[in-house]
PDB file of N, CA and C in Angstrom:
ATOM      1  N   THR A   1     193.351 -61.957 100.513  1.00  0.00           N
ATOM      2  CA  THR A   1     194.235 -62.111 101.657  1.00  0.00           C
ATOM      3  C   THR A   1     193.737 -63.254 102.531  1.00  0.00           C
ATOM      4  N   ARG A   2     194.576 -63.702 103.416  1.00  0.00           N
ATOM      5  CA  ARG A   2     194.174 -64.796 104.304  1.00  0.00           C
ATOM      6  C   ARG A   2     192.984 -64.395 105.169  1.00  0.00           C
ATOM      7  N   ARG A   3     192.996 -63.163 105.672  1.00  0.00           N
ATOM      8  CA  ARG A   3     191.882 -62.690 106.496  1.00  0.00           C
ATOM      9  C   ARG A   3     191.423 -61.318 106.033  1.00  0.00           C
ATOM     10  N   ALA A   4     190.117 -61.141 106.052  1.00  0.00           N
ATOM     11  CA  ALA A   4     189.538 -59.844 105.680  1.00  0.00           C
ATOM     12  C   ALA A   4     188.097 -59.770 106.166  1.00  0.00           C
ATOM     13  N   PHE A   5     187.652 -58.543 106.383  1.00  0.00           N
ATOM     14  CA  PHE A   5     186.249 -58.277 106.658  1.00  0.00           C
ATOM     15  C   PHE A   5     185.729 -57.429 105.504  1.00  0.00           C
ATOM     16  N   ILE A   6     184.743 -57.960 104.775  1.00  0.00           N
ATOM     17  CA  ILE A   6     184.260 -57.339 103.562  1.00  0.00           C
ATOM     18  C   ILE A   6     182.804 -56.925 103.762  1.00  0.00           C
ATOM     19  N   ASN A   7     182.510 -55.665 103.554  1.00  0.00           N
ATOM     20  CA  ASN A   7     181.138 -55.178 103.680  1.00  0.00           C
ATOM     21  C   ASN A   7     180.348 -55.641 102.475  1.00  0.00           C
ATOM     22  N   ILE A   8     179.353 -56.495 102.697  1.00  0.00           N
ATOM     23  CA  ILE A   8     178.525 -57.028 101.608  1.00  0.00           C
ATOM     24  C   ILE A   8     177.103 -56.499 101.649  1.00  0.00           C
ATOM     25  N   THR A   9     176.855 -55.446 102.443  1.00  0.00           N
ATOM     26  CA  THR A   9     175.513 -54.911 102.601  1.00  0.00           C
ATOM     27  C   THR A   9     174.901 -54.545 101.258  1.00  0.00           C
ATOM     28  N   SER A  10     175.619 -53.863 100.402  1.00  0.00           N
ATOM     29  CA  SER A  10     175.027 -53.420  99.122  1.00  0.00           C
ATOM     30  C   SER A  10     174.657 -54.596  98.229  1.00  0.00           C
ATOM     31  N   GLN A  11     175.442 -55.665  98.229  1.00  0.00           N
ATOM     32  CA  GLN A  11     175.112 -56.859  97.429  1.00  0.00           C
ATOM     33  C   GLN A  11     173.851 -57.547  97.992  1.00  0.00           C
ATOM     34  N   VAL A  12     173.752 -57.597  99.323  1.00  0.00           N
ATOM     35  CA  VAL A  12     172.585 -58.223  99.944  1.00  0.00           C
ATOM     36  C   VAL A  12     171.339 -57.381  99.647  1.00  0.00           C
ATOM     37  N   GLU A  13     171.462 -56.056  99.744  1.00  0.00           N
ATOM     38  CA  GLU A  13     170.328 -55.167  99.439  1.00  0.00           C
ATOM     39  C   GLU A  13     169.922 -55.300  97.974  1.00  0.00           C
ATOM     40  N   ALA A  14     170.874 -55.485  97.074  1.00  0.00           N
ATOM     41  CA  ALA A  14     170.540 -55.682  95.645  1.00  0.00           C
ATOM     42  C   ALA A  14     169.740 -56.968  95.464  1.00  0.00           C
ATOM     43  N   ALA A  15     170.122 -58.022  96.155  1.00  0.00           N
ATOM     44  CA  ALA A  15     169.387 -59.285  96.069  1.00  0.00           C
ATOM     45  C   ALA A  15     167.972 -59.106  96.616  1.00  0.00           C
ATOM     46  N   LEU A  16     167.824 -58.341  97.683  1.00  0.00           N
ATOM     47  CA  LEU A  16     166.510 -58.080  98.254  1.00  0.00           C
ATOM     48  C   LEU A  16     165.643 -57.308  97.269  1.00  0.00           C
ATOM     49  N   ARG A  17     166.198 -56.259  96.644  1.00  0.00           N
ATOM     50  CA  ARG A  17     165.429 -55.497  95.656  1.00  0.00           C
ATOM     51  C   ARG A  17     164.996 -56.394  94.502  1.00  0.00           C
ATOM     52  N   GLU A  18     165.903 -57.244  94.035  1.00  0.00           N
ATOM     53  CA  GLU A  18     165.588 -58.139  92.920  1.00  0.00           C
ATOM     54  C   GLU A  18     164.475 -59.123  93.284  1.00  0.00           C
ATOM     55  N   SER A  19     164.383 -59.510  94.539  1.00  0.00           N
ATOM     56  CA  SER A  19     163.355 -60.460  94.963  1.00  0.00           C
ATOM     57  C   SER A  19     161.963 -59.866  94.932  1.00  0.00           C
ATOM     58  N   GLY A  20     161.847 -58.558  95.129  1.00  0.00           N
ATOM     59  CA  GLY A  20     160.539 -57.925  95.185  1.00  0.00           C
ATOM     60  C   GLY A  20     159.808 -58.098  96.497  1.00  0.00           C
ATOM     61  N   ILE A  21     160.417 -58.779  97.465  1.00  0.00           N
ATOM     62  CA  ILE A  21     159.789 -59.014  98.767  1.00  0.00           C
ATOM     63  C   ILE A  21     159.724 -57.680  99.537  1.00  0.00           C
ATOM     64  N   LYS A  22     158.556 -57.413 100.124  1.00  0.00           N
ATOM     65  CA  LYS A  22     158.379 -56.187 100.905  1.00  0.00           C
ATOM     66  C   LYS A  22     158.380 -56.438 102.411  1.00  0.00           C
ATOM     67  N   GLU A  23     157.873 -57.597 102.839  1.00  0.00           N
ATOM     68  CA  GLU A  23     157.806 -57.957 104.254  1.00  0.00           C
ATOM     69  C   GLU A  23     158.234 -59.414 104.371  1.00  0.00           C
ATOM     70  N   GLY A  24     159.191 -59.675 105.250  1.00  0.00           N
ATOM     71  CA  GLY A  24     159.632 -61.059 105.422  1.00  0.00           C
ATOM     72  C   GLY A  24     160.948 -61.151 106.148  1.00  0.00           C
ATOM     73  N   LEU A  25     161.716 -62.160 105.760  1.00  0.00           N
ATOM     74  CA  LEU A  25     163.008 -62.435 106.388  1.00  0.00           C
ATOM     75  C   LEU A  25     164.057 -62.715 105.312  1.00  0.00           C
ATOM     76  N   LEU A  26     165.280 -62.319 105.589  1.00  0.00           N
ATOM     77  CA  LEU A  26     166.395 -62.571 104.714  1.00  0.00           C
ATOM     78  C   LEU A  26     167.466 -63.310 105.521  1.00  0.00           C
ATOM     79  N   LEU A  27     167.903 -64.439 104.978  1.00  0.00           N
ATOM     80  CA  LEU A  27     168.995 -65.210 105.552  1.00  0.00           C
ATOM     81  C   LEU A  27     170.205 -65.055 104.656  1.00  0.00           C
ATOM     82  N   CYS A  28     171.337 -64.780 105.247  1.00  0.00           N
ATOM     83  CA  CYS A  28     172.589 -64.699 104.493  1.00  0.00           C
ATOM     84  C   CYS A  28     173.626 -65.504 105.255  1.00  0.00           C
ATOM     85  N   ASN A  29     174.201 -66.520 104.598  1.00  0.00           N
ATOM     86  CA  ASN A  29     175.211 -67.308 105.298  1.00  0.00           C
ATOM     87  C   ASN A  29     176.421 -67.627 104.411  1.00  0.00           C
ATOM     88  N   ALA A  30     177.527 -67.843 105.111  1.00  0.00           N
ATOM     89  CA  ALA A  30     178.760 -68.227 104.446  1.00  0.00           C
ATOM     90  C   ALA A  30     178.656 -69.687 104.049  1.00  0.00           C
ATOM     91  N   MET A  31     179.121 -69.980 102.854  1.00  0.00           N
ATOM     92  CA  MET A  31     179.036 -71.356 102.352  1.00  0.00           C
ATOM     93  C   MET A  31     180.398 -72.035 102.401  1.00  0.00           C
ATOM     94  N   HIS A  32     181.171 -71.725 103.432  1.00  0.00           N
ATOM     95  CA  HIS A  32     182.445 -72.384 103.635  1.00  0.00           C
ATOM     96  C   HIS A  32     182.760 -72.378 105.127  1.00  0.00           C
ATOM     97  N   ILE A  33     183.400 -73.425 105.602  1.00  0.00           N
ATOM     98  CA  ILE A  33     183.611 -73.647 107.028  1.00  0.00           C
ATOM     99  C   ILE A  33     184.652 -72.707 107.643  1.00  0.00           C
ATOM    100  N   THR A  34     185.392 -71.969 106.832  1.00  0.00           N
ATOM    101  CA  THR A  34     186.391 -71.044 107.366  1.00  0.00           C
ATOM    102  C   THR A  34     186.029 -69.588 107.032  1.00  0.00           C
ATOM    103  N   ALA A  35     184.748 -69.321 106.827  1.00  0.00           N
ATOM    104  CA  ALA A  35     184.250 -67.959 106.547  1.00  0.00           C
ATOM    105  C   ALA A  35     183.032 -67.697 107.403  1.00  0.00           C
ATOM    106  N   SER A  36     182.713 -66.435 107.561  1.00  0.00           N
ATOM    107  CA  SER A  36     181.631 -66.008 108.440  1.00  0.00           C
ATOM    108  C   SER A  36     180.808 -64.927 107.770  1.00  0.00           C
ATOM    109  N   VAL A  37     179.561 -64.805 108.192  1.00  0.00           N
ATOM    110  CA  VAL A  37     178.723 -63.635 107.864  1.00  0.00           C
ATOM    111  C   VAL A  37     178.221 -63.122 109.201  1.00  0.00           C
ATOM    112  N   PHE A  38     178.356 -61.813 109.420  1.00  0.00           N
ATOM    113  CA  PHE A  38     177.960 -61.225 110.704  1.00  0.00           C
ATOM    114  C   PHE A  38     177.497 -59.795 110.487  1.00  0.00           C
ATOM    115  N   ILE A  39     176.817 -59.254 111.463  1.00  0.00           N
ATOM    116  CA  ILE A  39     176.349 -57.863 111.441  1.00  0.00           C
ATOM    117  C   ILE A  39     177.104 -57.069 112.499  1.00  0.00           C
ATOM    118  N   ASN A  40     177.617 -55.915 112.076  1.00  0.00           N
ATOM    119  CA  ASN A  40     178.240 -55.005 113.027  1.00  0.00           C
ATOM    120  C   ASN A  40     178.448 -53.662 112.346  1.00  0.00           C
ATOM    121  N   ASP A  41     179.239 -52.838 112.972  1.00  0.00           N
ATOM    122  CA  ASP A  41     179.525 -51.473 112.502  1.00  0.00           C
ATOM    123  C   ASP A  41     180.648 -51.489 111.455  1.00  0.00           C
ATOM    124  N   ASN A  42     180.531 -50.623 110.450  1.00  0.00           N
ATOM    125  CA  ASN A  42     181.566 -50.508 109.428  1.00  0.00           C
ATOM    126  C   ASN A  42     182.587 -49.446 109.868  1.00  0.00           C
ATOM    127  N   GLU A  43     183.402 -49.835 110.828  1.00  0.00           N
ATOM    128  CA  GLU A  43     184.376 -48.908 111.400  1.00  0.00           C
ATOM    129  C   GLU A  43     185.721 -49.595 111.442  1.00  0.00           C
ATOM    130  N   SER A  44     186.710 -49.040 110.791  1.00  0.00           N
ATOM    131  CA  SER A  44     188.005 -49.713 110.615  1.00  0.00           C
ATOM    132  C   SER A  44     188.695 -50.043 111.939  1.00  0.00           C
ATOM    133  N   GLY A  45     188.586 -49.180 112.948  1.00  0.00           N
ATOM    134  CA  GLY A  45     189.165 -49.483 114.241  1.00  0.00           C
ATOM    135  C   GLY A  45     188.546 -50.704 114.864  1.00  0.00           C
ATOM    136  N   LEU A  46     187.231 -50.834 114.741  1.00  0.00           N
ATOM    137  CA  LEU A  46     186.542 -52.018 115.261  1.00  0.00           C
ATOM    138  C   LEU A  46     187.012 -53.274 114.521  1.00  0.00           C
ATOM    139  N   HIS A  47     187.203 -53.174 113.216  1.00  0.00           N
ATOM    140  CA  HIS A  47     187.666 -54.340 112.469  1.00  0.00           C
ATOM    141  C   HIS A  47     189.076 -54.749 112.901  1.00  0.00           C
ATOM    142  N   ARG A  48     189.940 -53.801 113.177  1.00  0.00           N
ATOM    143  CA  ARG A  48     191.263 -54.133 113.729  1.00  0.00           C
ATOM    144  C   ARG A  48     191.128 -54.768 115.109  1.00  0.00           C
ATOM    145  N   ASP A  49     190.158 -54.293 115.894  1.00  0.00           N
ATOM    146  CA  ASP A  49     189.903 -54.896 117.218  1.00  0.00           C
ATOM    147  C   ASP A  49     189.440 -56.341 117.074  1.00  0.00           C
ATOM    148  N   PHE A  50     188.550 -56.611 116.100  1.00  0.00           N
ATOM    149  CA  PHE A  50     188.110 -57.991 115.843  1.00  0.00           C
ATOM    150  C   PHE A  50     189.340 -58.849 115.520  1.00  0.00           C
ATOM    151  N   GLU A  51     190.195 -58.354 114.634  1.00  0.00           N
ATOM    152  CA  GLU A  51     191.364 -59.113 114.226  1.00  0.00           C
ATOM    153  C   GLU A  51     192.256 -59.446 115.415  1.00  0.00           C
ATOM    154  N   ARG A  52     192.522 -58.468 116.264  1.00  0.00           N
ATOM    155  CA  ARG A  52     193.370 -58.722 117.444  1.00  0.00           C
ATOM    156  C   ARG A  52     192.689 -59.678 118.429  1.00  0.00           C
ATOM    157  N   PHE A  53     191.409 -59.493 118.645  1.00  0.00           N
ATOM    158  CA  PHE A  53     190.646 -60.344 119.551  1.00  0.00           C
ATOM    159  C   PHE A  53     190.676 -61.807 119.068  1.00  0.00           C
ATOM    160  N   LEU A  54     190.388 -62.003 117.791  1.00  0.00           N
ATOM    161  CA  LEU A  54     190.357 -63.358 117.220  1.00  0.00           C
ATOM    162  C   LEU A  54     191.751 -63.976 117.237  1.00  0.00           C
ATOM    163  N   GLU A  55     192.757 -63.185 116.978  1.00  0.00           N
ATOM    164  CA  GLU A  55     194.132 -63.715 116.949  1.00  0.00           C
ATOM    165  C   GLU A  55     194.578 -64.122 118.357  1.00  0.00           C
ATOM    166  N   LYS A  56     194.077 -63.437 119.390  1.00  0.00           N
ATOM    167  CA  LYS A  56     194.392 -63.821 120.773  1.00  0.00           C
ATOM    168  C   LYS A  56     193.722 -65.153 121.114  1.00  0.00           C
ATOM    169  N   LEU A  57     192.485 -65.310 120.666  1.00  0.00           N
ATOM    170  CA  LEU A  57     191.725 -66.524 120.998  1.00  0.00           C
ATOM    171  C   LEU A  57     192.188 -67.731 120.178  1.00  0.00           C
ATOM    172  N   ALA A  58     192.516 -67.515 118.908  1.00  0.00           N
ATOM    173  CA  ALA A  58     192.912 -68.603 118.008  1.00  0.00           C
ATOM    174  C   ALA A  58     194.028 -68.116 117.094  1.00  0.00           C
ATOM    175  N   PRO A  59     195.249 -68.035 117.629  1.00  0.00           N
ATOM    176  CA  PRO A  59     196.375 -67.533 116.837  1.00  0.00           C
ATOM    177  C   PRO A  59     196.690 -68.422 115.640  1.00  0.00           C
ATOM    178  N   GLU A  60     197.004 -67.801 114.526  1.00  0.00           N
ATOM    179  CA  GLU A  60     197.338 -68.552 113.322  1.00  0.00           C
ATOM    180  C   GLU A  60     198.577 -69.429 113.538  1.00  0.00           C
ATOM    181  N   LYS A  61     199.599 -68.850 114.161  1.00  0.00           N
ATOM    182  CA  LYS A  61     200.870 -69.560 114.324  1.00  0.00           C
ATOM    183  C   LYS A  61     201.209 -69.696 115.810  1.00  0.00           C
ATOM    184  N   PRO A  62     201.944 -70.699 116.204  1.00  0.00           N
ATOM    185  CA  PRO A  62     202.569 -71.696 115.355  1.00  0.00           C
ATOM    186  C   PRO A  62     201.547 -72.719 114.860  1.00  0.00           C
ATOM    187  N   TYR A  63     201.687 -73.102 113.621  1.00  0.00           N
ATOM    188  CA  TYR A  63     200.744 -74.045 113.011  1.00  0.00           C
ATOM    189  C   TYR A  63     200.669 -75.358 113.762  1.00  0.00           C
ATOM    190  N   GLU A  64     201.792 -75.800 114.311  1.00  0.00           N
ATOM    191  CA  GLU A  64     201.842 -77.114 114.950  1.00  0.00           C
ATOM    192  C   GLU A  64     201.092 -77.153 116.276  1.00  0.00           C
ATOM    193  N   GLN A  65     200.559 -76.034 116.757  1.00  0.00           N
ATOM    194  CA  GLN A  65     199.794 -76.046 118.007  1.00  0.00           C
ATOM    195  C   GLN A  65     198.431 -76.734 117.840  1.00  0.00           C
ATOM    196  N   TYR A  66     198.007 -76.937 116.592  1.00  0.00           N
ATOM    197  CA  TYR A  66     196.672 -77.483 116.315  1.00  0.00           C
ATOM    198  C   TYR A  66     196.757 -78.911 115.787  1.00  0.00           C
ATOM    199  N   ASP A  67     195.933 -79.795 116.328  1.00  0.00           N
ATOM    200  CA  ASP A  67     195.859 -81.170 115.823  1.00  0.00           C
ATOM    201  C   ASP A  67     195.343 -81.210 114.391  1.00  0.00           C
ATOM    202  N   HIS A  68     194.458 -80.295 114.022  1.00  0.00           N
ATOM    203  CA  HIS A  68     193.875 -80.265 112.678  1.00  0.00           C
ATOM    204  C   HIS A  68     194.927 -80.010 111.602  1.00  0.00           C
ATOM    205  N   ASN A  69     195.904 -79.177 111.917  1.00  0.00           N
ATOM    206  CA  ASN A  69     196.904 -78.798 110.918  1.00  0.00           C
ATOM    207  C   ASN A  69     197.811 -79.995 110.589  1.00  0.00           C
ATOM    208  N   GLY A  70     197.910 -80.236 109.331  1.00  0.00           N
ATOM    209  CA  GLY A  70     198.747 -81.308 108.812  1.00  0.00           C
ATOM    210  C   GLY A  70     198.811 -81.100 107.321  1.00  0.00           C
ATOM    211  N   PHE A  71     197.771 -81.541 106.652  1.00  0.00           N
ATOM    212  CA  PHE A  71     197.650 -81.289 105.219  1.00  0.00           C
ATOM    213  C   PHE A  71     197.407 -79.795 104.957  1.00  0.00           C
ATOM    214  N   GLU A  72     196.646 -79.163 105.878  1.00  0.00           N
ATOM    215  CA  GLU A  72     196.349 -77.737 105.766  1.00  0.00           C
ATOM    216  C   GLU A  72     196.883 -77.008 106.987  1.00  0.00           C
ATOM    217  N   ASP A  73     196.850 -75.689 106.945  1.00  0.00           N
ATOM    218  CA  ASP A  73     197.311 -74.881 108.077  1.00  0.00           C
ATOM    219  C   ASP A  73     196.237 -73.915 108.528  1.00  0.00           C
ATOM    220  N   ASN A  74     194.988 -74.363 108.527  1.00  0.00           N
ATOM    221  CA  ASN A  74     193.877 -73.427 108.748  1.00  0.00           C
ATOM    222  C   ASN A  74     193.020 -73.735 109.962  1.00  0.00           C
ATOM    223  N   ALA A  75     193.547 -74.443 110.937  1.00  0.00           N
ATOM    224  CA  ALA A  75     192.761 -74.730 112.140  1.00  0.00           C
ATOM    225  C   ALA A  75     192.254 -73.451 112.791  1.00  0.00           C
ATOM    226  N   ASP A  76     193.110 -72.435 112.816  1.00  0.00           N
ATOM    227  CA  ASP A  76     192.711 -71.157 113.427  1.00  0.00           C
ATOM    228  C   ASP A  76     191.503 -70.565 112.689  1.00  0.00           C
ATOM    229  N   ALA A  77     191.432 -70.736 111.390  1.00  0.00           N
ATOM    230  CA  ALA A  77     190.314 -70.198 110.604  1.00  0.00           C
ATOM    231  C   ALA A  77     188.998 -70.846 110.978  1.00  0.00           C
ATOM    232  N   HIS A  78     189.024 -72.155 111.233  1.00  0.00           N
ATOM    233  CA  HIS A  78     187.820 -72.856 111.680  1.00  0.00           C
ATOM    234  C   HIS A  78     187.352 -72.316 113.026  1.00  0.00           C
ATOM    235  N   LEU A  79     188.290 -72.082 113.926  1.00  0.00           N
ATOM    236  CA  LEU A  79     187.946 -71.559 115.247  1.00  0.00           C
ATOM    237  C   LEU A  79     187.400 -70.152 115.177  1.00  0.00           C
ATOM    238  N   LYS A  80     188.047 -69.302 114.361  1.00  0.00           N
ATOM    239  CA  LYS A  80     187.605 -67.919 114.202  1.00  0.00           C
ATOM    240  C   LYS A  80     186.200 -67.851 113.616  1.00  0.00           C
ATOM    241  N   ARG A  81     185.896 -68.713 112.669  1.00  0.00           N
ATOM    242  CA  ARG A  81     184.561 -68.765 112.086  1.00  0.00           C
ATOM    243  C   ARG A  81     183.528 -69.149 113.142  1.00  0.00           C
ATOM    244  N   THR A  82     183.874 -70.092 114.016  1.00  0.00           N
ATOM    245  CA  THR A  82     182.940 -70.493 115.062  1.00  0.00           C
ATOM    246  C   THR A  82     182.621 -69.324 115.980  1.00  0.00           C
ATOM    247  N   ILE A  83     183.615 -68.517 116.281  1.00  0.00           N
ATOM    248  CA  ILE A  83     183.426 -67.360 117.150  1.00  0.00           C
ATOM    249  C   ILE A  83     182.559 -66.299 116.473  1.00  0.00           C
ATOM    250  N   MET A  84     182.806 -66.018 115.202  1.00  0.00           N
ATOM    251  CA  MET A  84     182.127 -64.921 114.497  1.00  0.00           C
ATOM    252  C   MET A  84     180.753 -65.336 113.952  1.00  0.00           C
ATOM    253  N   GLY A  85     180.488 -66.613 113.819  1.00  0.00           N
ATOM    254  CA  GLY A  85     179.186 -67.069 113.379  1.00  0.00           C
ATOM    255  C   GLY A  85     179.102 -67.368 111.894  1.00  0.00           C
ATOM    256  N   ARG A  86     178.103 -68.146 111.561  1.00  0.00           N
ATOM    257  CA  ARG A  86     177.911 -68.623 110.193  1.00  0.00           C
ATOM    258  C   ARG A  86     176.990 -67.752 109.383  1.00  0.00           C
ATOM    259  N   GLU A  87     175.963 -67.136 110.022  1.00  0.00           N
ATOM    260  CA  GLU A  87     174.902 -66.510 109.240  1.00  0.00           C
ATOM    261  C   GLU A  87     174.279 -65.359 110.007  1.00  0.00           C
ATOM    262  N   VAL A  88     173.470 -64.614 109.263  1.00  0.00           N
ATOM    263  CA  VAL A  88     172.613 -63.595 109.834  1.00  0.00           C
ATOM    264  C   VAL A  88     171.220 -63.764 109.279  1.00  0.00           C
ATOM    265  N   VAL A  89     170.246 -63.403 110.077  1.00  0.00           N
ATOM    266  CA  VAL A  89     168.836 -63.327 109.646  1.00  0.00           C
ATOM    267  C   VAL A  89     168.387 -61.907 109.916  1.00  0.00           C
ATOM    268  N   CYS A  90     167.850 -61.255 108.894  1.00  0.00           N
ATOM    269  CA  CYS A  90     167.396 -59.876 109.001  1.00  0.00           C
ATOM    270  C   CYS A  90     165.921 -59.777 108.680  1.00  0.00           C
ATOM    271  N   ALA A  91     165.226 -58.974 109.435  1.00  0.00           N
ATOM    272  CA  ALA A  91     163.836 -58.655 109.093  1.00  0.00           C
ATOM    273  C   ALA A  91     163.836 -57.755 107.858  1.00  0.00           C
ATOM    274  N   VAL A  92     162.822 -57.968 107.023  1.00  0.00           N
ATOM    275  CA  VAL A  92     162.598 -57.096 105.874  1.00  0.00           C
ATOM    276  C   VAL A  92     161.302 -56.349 106.118  1.00  0.00           C
ATOM    277  N   THR A  93     161.358 -55.028 106.118  1.00  0.00           N
ATOM    278  CA  THR A  93     160.206 -54.173 106.374  1.00  0.00           C
ATOM    279  C   THR A  93     160.106 -53.146 105.276  1.00  0.00           C
ATOM    280  N   ASP A  94     158.963 -53.128 104.624  1.00  0.00           N
ATOM    281  CA  ASP A  94     158.731 -52.173 103.534  1.00  0.00           C
ATOM    282  C   ASP A  94     159.831 -52.244 102.483  1.00  0.00           C
ATOM    283  N   GLY A  95     160.280 -53.465 102.181  1.00  0.00           N
ATOM    284  CA  GLY A  95     161.254 -53.695 101.119  1.00  0.00           C
ATOM    285  C   GLY A  95     162.700 -53.399 101.469  1.00  0.00           C
ATOM    286  N   ALA A  96     163.002 -53.139 102.749  1.00  0.00           N
ATOM    287  CA  ALA A  96     164.368 -52.795 103.145  1.00  0.00           C
ATOM    288  C   ALA A  96     164.787 -53.661 104.336  1.00  0.00           C
ATOM    289  N   LEU A  97     166.095 -53.853 104.470  1.00  0.00           N
ATOM    290  CA  LEU A  97     166.614 -54.524 105.648  1.00  0.00           C
ATOM    291  C   LEU A  97     166.326 -53.657 106.863  1.00  0.00           C
ATOM    292  N   ASP A  98     165.742 -54.250 107.876  1.00  0.00           N
ATOM    293  CA  ASP A  98     165.304 -53.521 109.068  1.00  0.00           C
ATOM    294  C   ASP A  98     166.453 -53.501 110.090  1.00  0.00           C
ATOM    295  N   PHE A  99     167.412 -52.631 109.874  1.00  0.00           N
ATOM    296  CA  PHE A  99     168.614 -52.526 110.691  1.00  0.00           C
ATOM    297  C   PHE A  99     168.470 -51.499 111.781  1.00  0.00           C
ATOM    298  N   GLY A 100     169.219 -51.682 112.848  1.00  0.00           N
ATOM    299  CA  GLY A 100     169.416 -50.642 113.850  1.00  0.00           C
ATOM    300  C   GLY A 100     170.487 -49.682 113.358  1.00  0.00           C
ATOM    301  N   PRO A 101     170.717 -48.621 114.099  1.00  0.00           N
ATOM    302  CA  PRO A 101     171.749 -47.645 113.697  1.00  0.00           C
ATOM    303  C   PRO A 101     173.103 -48.337 113.516  1.00  0.00           C
ATOM    304  N   TRP A 102     173.778 -48.039 112.430  1.00  0.00           N
ATOM    305  CA  TRP A 102     175.142 -48.454 112.117  1.00  0.00           C
ATOM    306  C   TRP A 102     175.275 -49.917 111.690  1.00  0.00           C
ATOM    307  N   GLU A 103     174.200 -50.706 111.762  1.00  0.00           N
ATOM    308  CA  GLU A 103     174.318 -52.117 111.417  1.00  0.00           C
ATOM    309  C   GLU A 103     174.532 -52.307 109.916  1.00  0.00           C
ATOM    310  N   GLN A 104     175.488 -53.173 109.589  1.00  0.00           N
ATOM    311  CA  GLN A 104     175.763 -53.550 108.213  1.00  0.00           C
ATOM    312  C   GLN A 104     176.184 -55.019 108.212  1.00  0.00           C
ATOM    313  N   ILE A 105     176.145 -55.646 107.042  1.00  0.00           N
ATOM    314  CA  ILE A 105     176.462 -57.071 106.935  1.00  0.00           C
ATOM    315  C   ILE A 105     177.866 -57.233 106.364  1.00  0.00           C
ATOM    316  N   PHE A 106     178.631 -58.121 107.007  1.00  0.00           N
ATOM    317  CA  PHE A 106     180.018 -58.376 106.621  1.00  0.00           C
ATOM    318  C   PHE A 106     180.256 -59.844 106.343  1.00  0.00           C
ATOM    319  N   TYR A 107     181.123 -60.081 105.395  1.00  0.00           N
ATOM    320  CA  TYR A 107     181.678 -61.406 105.138  1.00  0.00           C
ATOM    321  C   TYR A 107     183.045 -61.421 105.810  1.00  0.00           C
ATOM    322  N   GLY A 108     183.265 -62.386 106.679  1.00  0.00           N
ATOM    323  CA  GLY A 108     184.570 -62.556 107.327  1.00  0.00           C
ATOM    324  C   GLY A 108     185.334 -63.688 106.687  1.00  0.00           C
ATOM    325  N   GLU A 109     186.494 -63.377 106.171  1.00  0.00           N
ATOM    326  CA  GLU A 109     187.360 -64.380 105.541  1.00  0.00           C
ATOM    327  C   GLU A 109     188.508 -64.706 106.518  1.00  0.00           C
ATOM    328  N   PHE A 110     188.685 -65.990 106.808  1.00  0.00           N
ATOM    329  CA  PHE A 110     189.716 -66.388 107.752  1.00  0.00           C
ATOM    330  C   PHE A 110     190.754 -67.356 107.188  1.00  0.00           C
ATOM    331  N   ASP A 111     190.590 -67.753 105.929  1.00  0.00           N
ATOM    332  CA  ASP A 111     191.518 -68.667 105.263  1.00  0.00           C
ATOM    333  C   ASP A 111     191.396 -68.448 103.750  1.00  0.00           C
ATOM    334  N   GLY A 112     191.921 -67.350 103.257  1.00  0.00           N
ATOM    335  CA  GLY A 112     191.682 -66.929 101.871  1.00  0.00           C
ATOM    336  C   GLY A 112     192.388 -67.736 100.812  1.00  0.00           C
ATOM    337  N   LYS A 113     192.304 -69.027 100.851  1.00  0.00           N
ATOM    338  CA  LYS A 113     192.994 -69.866  99.887  1.00  0.00           C
ATOM    339  C   LYS A 113     192.092 -70.453  98.810  1.00  0.00           C
ATOM    340  N   ARG A 114     190.777 -70.310  98.984  1.00  0.00           N
ATOM    341  CA  ARG A 114     189.834 -70.940  98.040  1.00  0.00           C
ATOM    342  C   ARG A 114     188.772 -69.919  97.629  1.00  0.00           C
ATOM    343  N   ASP A 115     188.199 -70.175  96.469  1.00  0.00           N
ATOM    344  CA  ASP A 115     187.023 -69.399  96.092  1.00  0.00           C
ATOM    345  C   ASP A 115     185.900 -69.770  97.044  1.00  0.00           C
ATOM    346  N   LYS A 116     185.148 -68.746  97.460  1.00  0.00           N
ATOM    347  CA  LYS A 116     184.049 -68.995  98.382  1.00  0.00           C
ATOM    348  C   LYS A 116     182.837 -68.217  97.940  1.00  0.00           C
ATOM    349  N   ARG A 117     181.694 -68.522  98.548  1.00  0.00           N
ATOM    350  CA  ARG A 117     180.452 -67.872  98.177  1.00  0.00           C
ATOM    351  C   ARG A 117     179.568 -67.708  99.398  1.00  0.00           C
ATOM    352  N   ILE A 118     178.566 -66.868  99.239  1.00  0.00           N
ATOM    353  CA  ILE A 118     177.541 -66.742 100.272  1.00  0.00           C
ATOM    354  C   ILE A 118     176.210 -67.198  99.664  1.00  0.00           C
ATOM    355  N   LEU A 119     175.282 -67.521 100.533  1.00  0.00           N
ATOM    356  CA  LEU A 119     173.933 -67.902 100.133  1.00  0.00           C
ATOM    357  C   LEU A 119     172.982 -66.856 100.703  1.00  0.00           C
ATOM    358  N   ILE A 120     172.071 -66.384  99.885  1.00  0.00           N
ATOM    359  CA  ILE A 120     171.038 -65.460 100.341  1.00  0.00           C
ATOM    360  C   ILE A 120     169.688 -66.106 100.052  1.00  0.00           C
ATOM    361  N   LYS A 121     168.854 -66.268 101.085  1.00  0.00           N
ATOM    362  CA  LYS A 121     167.493 -66.767 100.938  1.00  0.00           C
ATOM    363  C   LYS A 121     166.529 -65.738 101.491  1.00  0.00           C
ATOM    364  N   ILE A 122     165.516 -65.406 100.737  1.00  0.00           N
ATOM    365  CA  ILE A 122     164.568 -64.383 101.137  1.00  0.00           C
ATOM    366  C   ILE A 122     163.162 -64.985 101.088  1.00  0.00           C
ATOM    367  N   ILE A 123     162.434 -64.882 102.196  1.00  0.00           N
ATOM    368  CA  ILE A 123     161.056 -65.358 102.222  1.00  0.00           C
ATOM    369  C   ILE A 123     160.163 -64.224 102.669  1.00  0.00           C
ATOM    370  N   GLY A 124     158.963 -64.208 102.136  1.00  0.00           N
ATOM    371  CA  GLY A 124     158.017 -63.173 102.516  1.00  0.00           C
ATOM    372  C   GLY A 124     157.033 -62.883 101.423  1.00  0.00           C
ATOM    373  N   GLU A 125     156.459 -61.714 101.498  1.00  0.00           N
ATOM    374  CA  GLU A 125     155.450 -61.328 100.501  1.00  0.00           C
ATOM    375  C   GLU A 125     155.690 -59.938 100.006  1.00  0.00           C
TER     376      GLU A 125
END
């Protein structure tokens, strides 16, 4: 879809397990300018709130409201990504992501027209 919030916590945890790192840092970032990686609660009402909030700040339509739109119609996606952020850095403690209560990692998609990817880098011992 054009926009979605996808919980990627289990994929990130799998990469951490595969690394064998017990203490260190994990970086996870979106590798496209119209996508985001962020940490928050996995609660559907909150995700709808994000969608409404972002749409108020950077509405998708009318497309002609944006100077960027011409060849593409995704100026709003660039703005939404800027608001939600590019990456997260998590502490790794005893081989696990050191999260607070309810924290999980999400991929935010704001212009679902292309294949996209995330990058995970893990450093430590």
